[in-house]
C-alpha atoms as a PDB file:
ATOM      1  CA  MET A   1     104.347 121.520 107.066  1.00  0.00           C
ATOM      2  CA  LEU A   2     105.527 118.040 106.098  1.00  0.00           C
ATOM      3  CA  LEU A   3     103.101 117.514 103.225  1.00  0.00           C
ATOM      4  CA  GLU A   4     101.010 120.093 101.380  1.00  0.00           C
ATOM      5  CA  MET A   5      98.508 119.675  98.582  1.00  0.00           C
ATOM      6  CA  HIS A   6      97.227 122.733  96.738  1.00  0.00           C
ATOM      7  CA  GLY A   7      94.346 122.929  94.251  1.00  0.00           C
ATOM      8  CA  LEU A   8      94.684 119.337  93.111  1.00  0.00           C
ATOM      9  CA  ALA A   9      92.581 117.969  90.263  1.00  0.00           C
ATOM     10  CA  VAL A  10      92.718 114.385  88.986  1.00  0.00           C
ATOM     11  CA  HIS A  11      90.928 112.895  85.991  1.00  0.00           C
ATOM     12  CA  TYR A  12      90.415 109.285  84.974  1.00  0.00           C
ATOM     13  CA  ASN A  13      90.145 109.726  81.222  1.00  0.00           C
ATOM     14  CA  LYS A  14      87.453 112.430  81.011  1.00  0.00           C
ATOM     15  CA  VAL A  15      85.930 111.753  84.424  1.00  0.00           C
ATOM     16  CA  LYS A  16      86.930 114.208  87.139  1.00  0.00           C
ATOM     17  CA  ALA A  17      87.850 112.352  90.335  1.00  0.00           C
ATOM     18  CA  LEU A  18      89.274 115.281  92.332  1.00  0.00           C
ATOM     19  CA  GLU A  19      88.655 119.002  92.035  1.00  0.00           C
ATOM     20  CA  ASP A  20      90.502 121.789  93.888  1.00  0.00           C
ATOM     21  CA  VAL A  21      91.635 119.568  96.770  1.00  0.00           C
ATOM     22  CA  SER A  22      93.976 121.195  99.281  1.00  0.00           C
ATOM     23  CA  LEU A  23      95.227 119.723 102.554  1.00  0.00           C
ATOM     24  CA  GLY A  24      98.208 119.733 104.885  1.00  0.00           C
ATOM     25  CA  LEU A  25      99.951 117.398 107.288  1.00  0.00           C
ATOM     26  CA  GLU A  26     102.297 118.376 110.102  1.00  0.00           C
ATOM     27  CA  ALA A  27     105.216 116.160 111.073  1.00  0.00           C
ATOM     28  CA  GLY A  28     104.185 113.487 113.575  1.00  0.00           C
ATOM     29  CA  ASP A  29     100.461 114.030 113.014  1.00  0.00           C
ATOM     30  CA  ILE A  30      97.513 111.836 112.007  1.00  0.00           C
ATOM     31  CA  ILE A  31      94.934 113.267 109.634  1.00  0.00           C
ATOM     32  CA  THR A  32      91.962 111.441 108.174  1.00  0.00           C
ATOM     33  CA  LEU A  33      89.854 111.669 105.035  1.00  0.00           C
ATOM     34  CA  ILE A  34      86.278 110.507 105.483  1.00  0.00           C
ATOM     35  CA  GLY A  35      83.402 110.320 103.031  1.00  0.00           C
ATOM     36  CA  ALA A  36      81.235 107.953 101.018  1.00  0.00           C
ATOM     37  CA  ASN A  37      82.506 105.497  98.416  1.00  0.00           C
ATOM     38  CA  GLY A  38      83.635 107.351  95.313  1.00  0.00           C
ATOM     39  CA  ALA A  39      84.240 110.619  97.156  1.00  0.00           C
ATOM     40  CA  GLY A  40      87.902 110.754  96.085  1.00  0.00           C
ATOM     41  CA  LYS A  41      89.648 109.591  99.247  1.00  0.00           C
ATOM     42  CA  SER A  42      91.630 106.751  97.688  1.00  0.00           C
ATOM     43  CA  THR A  43      92.448 108.867  94.645  1.00  0.00           C
ATOM     44  CA  THR A  44      93.962 111.466  96.973  1.00  0.00           C
ATOM     45  CA  LEU A  45      96.311 108.863  98.430  1.00  0.00           C
ATOM     46  CA  ARG A  46      97.129 107.530  94.968  1.00  0.00           C
ATOM     47  CA  ALA A  47      98.065 111.036  93.866  1.00  0.00           C
ATOM     48  CA  ILE A  48     100.415 111.449  96.831  1.00  0.00           C
ATOM     49  CA  SER A  49     102.152 108.132  96.125  1.00  0.00           C
ATOM     50  CA  GLY A  50     102.437 108.834  92.393  1.00  0.00           C
ATOM     51  CA  LEU A  51     100.043 106.147  91.185  1.00  0.00           C
ATOM     52  CA  VAL A  52      97.949 108.781  89.419  1.00  0.00           C
ATOM     53  CA  ARG A  53      99.115 112.087  87.950  1.00  0.00           C
ATOM     54  CA  PRO A  54      97.247 115.292  88.787  1.00  0.00           C
ATOM     55  CA  SER A  55      95.944 117.385  85.917  1.00  0.00           C
ATOM     56  CA  LEU A  56      96.113 120.559  88.023  1.00  0.00           C
ATOM     57  CA  GLY A  57      97.655 121.656  91.311  1.00  0.00           C
ATOM     58  CA  GLU A  58     100.716 120.510  93.200  1.00  0.00           C
ATOM     59  CA  ILE A  59     101.868 118.268  96.025  1.00  0.00           C
ATOM     60  CA  ARG A  60     104.887 119.179  98.140  1.00  0.00           C
ATOM     61  CA  PHE A  61     106.752 116.931 100.578  1.00  0.00           C
ATOM     62  CA  GLU A  62     109.144 118.783 102.867  1.00  0.00           C
ATOM     63  CA  GLY A  63     108.813 121.767 100.556  1.00  0.00           C
ATOM     64  CA  ALA A  64     109.767 119.964  97.322  1.00  0.00           C
ATOM     65  CA  ARG A  65     107.243 119.139  94.602  1.00  0.00           C
ATOM     66  CA  ILE A  66     106.560 115.443  94.138  1.00  0.00           C
ATOM     67  CA  ASP A  67     103.450 115.420  91.929  1.00  0.00           C
ATOM     68  CA  GLN A  68     105.389 114.611  88.758  1.00  0.00           C
ATOM     69  CA  LEU A  69     107.709 111.985  90.266  1.00  0.00           C
ATOM     70  CA  ALA A  70     107.527 108.266  89.520  1.00  0.00           C
ATOM     71  CA  PRO A  71     106.170 106.080  92.364  1.00  0.00           C
ATOM     72  CA  GLU A  72     109.576 104.529  93.078  1.00  0.00           C
ATOM     73  CA  ARG A  73     111.085 107.984  93.530  1.00  0.00           C
ATOM     74  CA  ILE A  74     108.344 108.834  95.992  1.00  0.00           C
ATOM     75  CA  VAL A  75     108.989 105.610  97.923  1.00  0.00           C
ATOM     76  CA  LYS A  76     112.665 106.576  98.103  1.00  0.00           C
ATOM     77  CA  LEU A  77     111.641 109.888  99.662  1.00  0.00           C
ATOM     78  CA  GLY A  78     110.014 107.931 102.483  1.00  0.00           C
ATOM     79  CA  ILE A  79     106.308 107.796 101.559  1.00  0.00           C
ATOM     80  CA  ALA A  80     104.781 104.325 102.001  1.00  0.00           C
ATOM     81  CA  HIS A  81     101.281 103.483 100.769  1.00  0.00           C
ATOM     82  CA  VAL A  82      99.172 100.591 102.116  1.00  0.00           C
ATOM     83  CA  PRO A  83      96.355 100.329  99.546  1.00  0.00           C
ATOM     84  CA  GLU A  84      92.787  99.225 100.113  1.00  0.00           C
ATOM     85  CA  GLY A  85      92.433  95.468  99.945  1.00  0.00           C
ATOM     86  CA  ARG A  86      95.877  94.764 101.444  1.00  0.00           C
ATOM     87  CA  HIS A  87      97.381  93.263  98.228  1.00  0.00           C
ATOM     88  CA  VAL A  88      99.905  90.938  99.829  1.00  0.00           C
ATOM     89  CA  PHE A  89     101.768  88.574  97.502  1.00  0.00           C
ATOM     90  CA  PRO A  90      99.793  85.329  97.911  1.00  0.00           C
ATOM     91  CA  GLU A  91     102.541  82.956  96.742  1.00  0.00           C
ATOM     92  CA  LEU A  92     105.276  84.526  98.861  1.00  0.00           C
ATOM     93  CA  THR A  93     105.862  83.736 102.521  1.00  0.00           C
ATOM     94  CA  VAL A  94     105.338  86.303 105.260  1.00  0.00           C
ATOM     95  CA  TYR A  95     109.124  86.737 105.452  1.00  0.00           C
ATOM     96  CA  GLU A  96     109.405  87.243 101.689  1.00  0.00           C
ATOM     97  CA  ASN A  97     106.462  89.668 101.637  1.00  0.00           C
ATOM     98  CA  LEU A  98     108.088  91.768 104.339  1.00  0.00           C
ATOM     99  CA  ASN A  99     111.387  91.882 102.509  1.00  0.00           C
ATOM    100  CA  THR A 100     109.724  93.217  99.355  1.00  0.00           C
ATOM    101  CA  GLY A 101     109.067  96.368 101.389  1.00  0.00           C
ATOM    102  CA  ALA A 102     112.817  96.920 101.666  1.00  0.00           C
ATOM    103  CA  PHE A 103     113.674  96.293  97.996  1.00  0.00           C
ATOM    104  CA  LEU A 104     115.014  99.834  97.500  1.00  0.00           C
ATOM    105  CA  ARG A 105     117.217  99.710 100.581  1.00  0.00           C
ATOM    106  CA  ARG A 106     120.907  98.720 100.614  1.00  0.00           C
ATOM    107  CA  ASP A 107     121.540  98.817 104.390  1.00  0.00           C
ATOM    108  CA  ARG A 108     121.379  95.109 105.183  1.00  0.00           C
ATOM    109  CA  ASP A 109     121.965  95.548 108.906  1.00  0.00           C
ATOM    110  CA  GLY A 110     119.221  98.160 109.083  1.00  0.00           C
ATOM    111  CA  VAL A 111     116.822  95.932 107.143  1.00  0.00           C
ATOM    112  CA  ARG A 112     117.518  93.077 109.539  1.00  0.00           C
ATOM    113  CA  ARG A 113     116.877  95.310 112.561  1.00  0.00           C
ATOM    114  CA  ASP A 114     113.658  96.625 111.034  1.00  0.00           C
ATOM    115  CA  LEU A 115     112.481  93.077 110.310  1.00  0.00           C
ATOM    116  CA  GLU A 116     113.049  92.237 113.971  1.00  0.00           C
ATOM    117  CA  GLY A 117     111.108  95.390 114.866  1.00  0.00           C
ATOM    118  CA  VAL A 118     108.163  94.372 112.672  1.00  0.00           C
ATOM    119  CA  TYR A 119     108.120  90.910 114.246  1.00  0.00           C
ATOM    120  CA  ALA A 120     108.185  92.517 117.698  1.00  0.00           C
ATOM    121  CA  ARG A 121     105.229  94.753 116.779  1.00  0.00           C
ATOM    122  CA  PHE A 122     103.342  91.896 115.067  1.00  0.00           C
ATOM    123  CA  PRO A 123     104.109  88.678 116.980  1.00  0.00           C
ATOM    124  CA  ARG A 124     101.527  86.849 114.887  1.00  0.00           C
ATOM    125  CA  LEU A 125     103.595  87.501 111.761  1.00  0.00           C
ATOM    126  CA  LYS A 126     106.683  86.083 113.439  1.00  0.00           C
ATOM    127  CA  GLU A 127     104.709  82.943 114.267  1.00  0.00           C
ATOM    128  CA  ARG A 128     103.687  82.664 110.600  1.00  0.00           C
ATOM    129  CA  HIS A 129     106.910  83.860 108.967  1.00  0.00           C
ATOM    130  CA  GLY A 130     107.131  80.752 106.748  1.00  0.00           C
ATOM    131  CA  GLN A 131     103.469  80.690 105.694  1.00  0.00           C
ATOM    132  CA  PHE A 132     102.279  81.888 102.307  1.00  0.00           C
ATOM    133  CA  GLY A 133     100.420  85.182 102.239  1.00  0.00           C
ATOM    134  CA  LYS A 134      97.294  83.533 100.845  1.00  0.00           C
ATOM    135  CA  THR A 135      96.960  81.338 103.969  1.00  0.00           C
ATOM    136  CA  LEU A 136      96.627  84.276 106.371  1.00  0.00           C
ATOM    137  CA  SER A 137      93.374  85.635 107.759  1.00  0.00           C
ATOM    138  CA  GLY A 138      92.175  89.071 106.681  1.00  0.00           C
ATOM    139  CA  GLY A 139      93.498  90.677 109.843  1.00  0.00           C
ATOM    140  CA  GLU A 140      96.855  88.963 109.489  1.00  0.00           C
ATOM    141  CA  GLN A 141      97.094  90.097 105.868  1.00  0.00           C
ATOM    142  CA  GLN A 142      96.425  93.662 106.982  1.00  0.00           C
ATOM    143  CA  MET A 143      99.206  93.380 109.560  1.00  0.00           C
ATOM    144  CA  LEU A 144     101.470  92.011 106.835  1.00  0.00           C
ATOM    145  CA  ALA A 145     100.640  94.889 104.477  1.00  0.00           C
ATOM    146  CA  ILE A 146     101.396  97.443 107.193  1.00  0.00           C
ATOM    147  CA  GLY A 147     104.545  95.597 108.219  1.00  0.00           C
ATOM    148  CA  ARG A 148     105.730  95.533 104.604  1.00  0.00           C
ATOM    149  CA  ALA A 149     105.252  99.313 104.409  1.00  0.00           C
ATOM    150  CA  LEU A 150     107.238  99.766 107.628  1.00  0.00           C
ATOM    151  CA  MET A 151     110.134  97.843 106.086  1.00  0.00           C
ATOM    152  CA  SER A 152     110.699 100.810 103.777  1.00  0.00           C
ATOM    153  CA  ARG A 153     111.386 102.876 106.925  1.00  0.00           C
ATOM    154  CA  PRO A 154     108.692 105.436 106.009  1.00  0.00           C
ATOM    155  CA  ARG A 155     108.664 109.093 106.933  1.00  0.00           C
ATOM    156  CA  LEU A 156     104.970 109.222 105.975  1.00  0.00           C
ATOM    157  CA  LEU A 157     102.489 106.336 106.013  1.00  0.00           C
ATOM    158  CA  LEU A 158      99.363 106.337 103.833  1.00  0.00           C
ATOM    159  CA  LEU A 159      96.686 103.890 105.012  1.00  0.00           C
ATOM    160  CA  ASP A 160      93.666 103.161 102.803  1.00  0.00           C
ATOM    161  CA  GLU A 161      90.750 101.443 104.576  1.00  0.00           C
ATOM    162  CA  PRO A 162      92.862  99.417 107.046  1.00  0.00           C
ATOM    163  CA  SER A 163      89.790  98.198 108.961  1.00  0.00           C
ATOM    164  CA  LEU A 164      87.781  97.113 105.892  1.00  0.00           C
ATOM    165  CA  GLY A 165      86.236  93.671 106.282  1.00  0.00           C
ATOM    166  CA  LEU A 166      87.792  92.944 109.665  1.00  0.00           C
ATOM    167  CA  SER A 167      86.113  91.705 112.837  1.00  0.00           C
ATOM    168  CA  PRO A 168      85.438  94.245 115.617  1.00  0.00           C
ATOM    169  CA  VAL A 169      88.263  92.739 117.691  1.00  0.00           C
ATOM    170  CA  MET A 170      90.718  93.024 114.809  1.00  0.00           C
ATOM    171  CA  VAL A 171      89.556  96.576 114.037  1.00  0.00           C
ATOM    172  CA  GLN A 172      90.540  97.578 117.563  1.00  0.00           C
ATOM    173  CA  GLU A 173      93.891  95.830 117.148  1.00  0.00           C
ATOM    174  CA  ILE A 174      94.586  97.713 113.892  1.00  0.00           C
ATOM    175  CA  ALA A 175      93.635 100.978 115.643  1.00  0.00           C
ATOM    176  CA  ARG A 176      96.119 100.202 118.412  1.00  0.00           C
ATOM    177  CA  ILE A 177      98.805  99.487 115.831  1.00  0.00           C
ATOM    178  CA  ILE A 178      98.189 102.810 114.050  1.00  0.00           C
ATOM    179  CA  VAL A 179      98.518 104.725 117.324  1.00  0.00           C
ATOM    180  CA  ASP A 180     101.658 102.774 118.183  1.00  0.00           C
ATOM    181  CA  ILE A 181     103.282 103.519 114.808  1.00  0.00           C
ATOM    182  CA  ASN A 182     102.418 107.198 115.084  1.00  0.00           C
ATOM    183  CA  SER A 183     103.859 107.325 118.606  1.00  0.00           C
ATOM    184  CA  THR A 184     107.278 106.528 117.107  1.00  0.00           C
ATOM    185  CA  GLY A 185     107.076 109.750 115.077  1.00  0.00           C
ATOM    186  CA  VAL A 186     105.674 108.405 111.792  1.00  0.00           C
ATOM    187  CA  PRO A 187     102.880 110.690 110.513  1.00  0.00           C
ATOM    188  CA  VAL A 188      99.812 109.015 109.035  1.00  0.00           C
ATOM    189  CA  ILE A 189      97.175 109.940 106.465  1.00  0.00           C
ATOM    190  CA  LEU A 190      94.238 107.640 107.138  1.00  0.00           C
ATOM    191  CA  VAL A 191      91.377 106.923 104.738  1.00  0.00           C
ATOM    192  CA  GLU A 192      88.512 105.156 106.508  1.00  0.00           C
ATOM    193  CA  GLN A 193      84.881 104.233 105.866  1.00  0.00           C
ATOM    194  CA  ASN A 194      84.608 103.715 109.632  1.00  0.00           C
ATOM    195  CA  ALA A 195      84.271 107.393 110.467  1.00  0.00           C
ATOM    196  CA  GLN A 196      83.897 106.748 114.190  1.00  0.00           C
ATOM    197  CA  LEU A 197      87.282 105.030 114.237  1.00  0.00           C
ATOM    198  CA  ALA A 198      88.945 107.594 111.984  1.00  0.00           C
ATOM    199  CA  LEU A 199      87.797 110.588 114.012  1.00  0.00           C
ATOM    200  CA  LYS A 200      88.920 108.895 117.206  1.00  0.00           C
ATOM    201  CA  LEU A 201      92.445 108.310 115.892  1.00  0.00           C
ATOM    202  CA  ALA A 202      93.072 111.538 113.983  1.00  0.00           C
ATOM    203  CA  ARG A 203      93.804 115.038 115.199  1.00  0.00           C
ATOM    204  CA  TYR A 204      92.497 116.742 112.059  1.00  0.00           C
ATOM    205  CA  ALA A 205      89.876 115.601 109.540  1.00  0.00           C
ATOM    206  CA  TYR A 206      88.775 116.356 106.004  1.00  0.00           C
ATOM    207  CA  VAL A 207      85.311 115.407 104.744  1.00  0.00           C
ATOM    208  CA  MET A 208      85.215 114.599 101.024  1.00  0.00           C
ATOM    209  CA  GLU A 209      82.148 114.525  98.803  1.00  0.00           C
ATOM    210  CA  THR A 210      82.168 114.026  95.013  1.00  0.00           C
ATOM    211  CA  GLY A 211      85.852 114.768  94.653  1.00  0.00           C
ATOM    212  CA  ARG A 212      85.960 117.918  96.784  1.00  0.00           C
ATOM    213  CA  ILE A 213      86.721 118.745 100.396  1.00  0.00           C
ATOM    214  CA  THR A 214      83.489 120.079 101.837  1.00  0.00           C
ATOM    215  CA  LEU A 215      84.445 120.343 105.489  1.00  0.00           C
ATOM    216  CA  LYS A 216      87.667 120.346 107.489  1.00  0.00           C
ATOM    217  CA  GLY A 217      88.713 120.937 111.071  1.00  0.00           C
ATOM    218  CA  GLU A 218      89.852 119.384 114.320  1.00  0.00           C
ATOM    219  CA  ALA A 219      88.573 115.810 114.509  1.00  0.00           C
ATOM    220  CA  GLY A 220      86.609 116.519 117.670  1.00  0.00           C
ATOM    221  CA  GLN A 221      84.809 119.417 116.015  1.00  0.00           C
ATOM    222  CA  ILE A 222      84.066 117.410 112.876  1.00  0.00           C
ATOM    223  CA  ARG A 223      82.620 114.630 115.038  1.00  0.00           C
ATOM    224  CA  GLU A 224      80.070 117.089 116.455  1.00  0.00           C
ATOM    225  CA  ASP A 225      79.012 118.507 113.072  1.00  0.00           C
ATOM    226  CA  ALA A 226      75.319 117.763 112.435  1.00  0.00           C
ATOM    227  CA  HIS A 227      75.799 116.723 108.799  1.00  0.00           C
ATOM    228  CA  VAL A 228      78.717 114.439 109.646  1.00  0.00           C
ATOM    229  CA  ARG A 229      76.750 112.844 112.463  1.00  0.00           C
ATOM    230  CA  ARG A 230      73.786 112.147 110.161  1.00  0.00           C
ATOM    231  CA  ALA A 231      75.752 111.047 107.105  1.00  0.00           C
ATOM    232  CA  TYR A 232      78.690 109.155 108.584  1.00  0.00           C
ATOM    233  CA  LEU A 233      78.184 108.466 112.285  1.00  0.00           C
ATOM    234  CA  GLY A 234      74.620 107.152 112.260  1.00  0.00           C
ATOM    235  CA  ALA A 235      73.422 109.785 114.721  1.00  0.00           C
END
């Protein structure tokens, strides 16, 4: 198991955000967390990337505990987090934004090759390499945020609401990009409000409600669950 989470609890001050959350991710896999706003999905990703500290439980990456490490240490281990809302640097160019993703790396030749790889995967970013981040469309900013994460050469990619606020055409493009990244061997943990999309992309799914995992299983099985269909799929 590449990543394991056991009995995790997270509090924001005295408010419990996660309670007894356990999940696992195999190398090369895509798993998804689905649920309503406030269910704890984003907090789960933030705990993995070290942005919040658990009050109980543990997180292991390749067998070693990471739940007490600083975020920069976790990035060095190869875990890249693309947060909800994209958060590109508005006053930096596309090129400069991408290079911030490699700030911990010292292999200049490798960084240059990876930049060329990002431009090959996202031709639109290459076309706009000198534009400021704030001038890009929402879809282009999402590409930039994912490209920046890829510049860290991740061994695990955390994606939080990558389709949020995008047009249907751009949603399909982001879905294609996720599949393409995963096909190169990069495992993905996907948080998505668009449950139809998430269950189509993932092999395994976890349903979260009020900070707990209430249902888990193969994505195809979860898609056929009556409660999931009523609550999240509009069926």
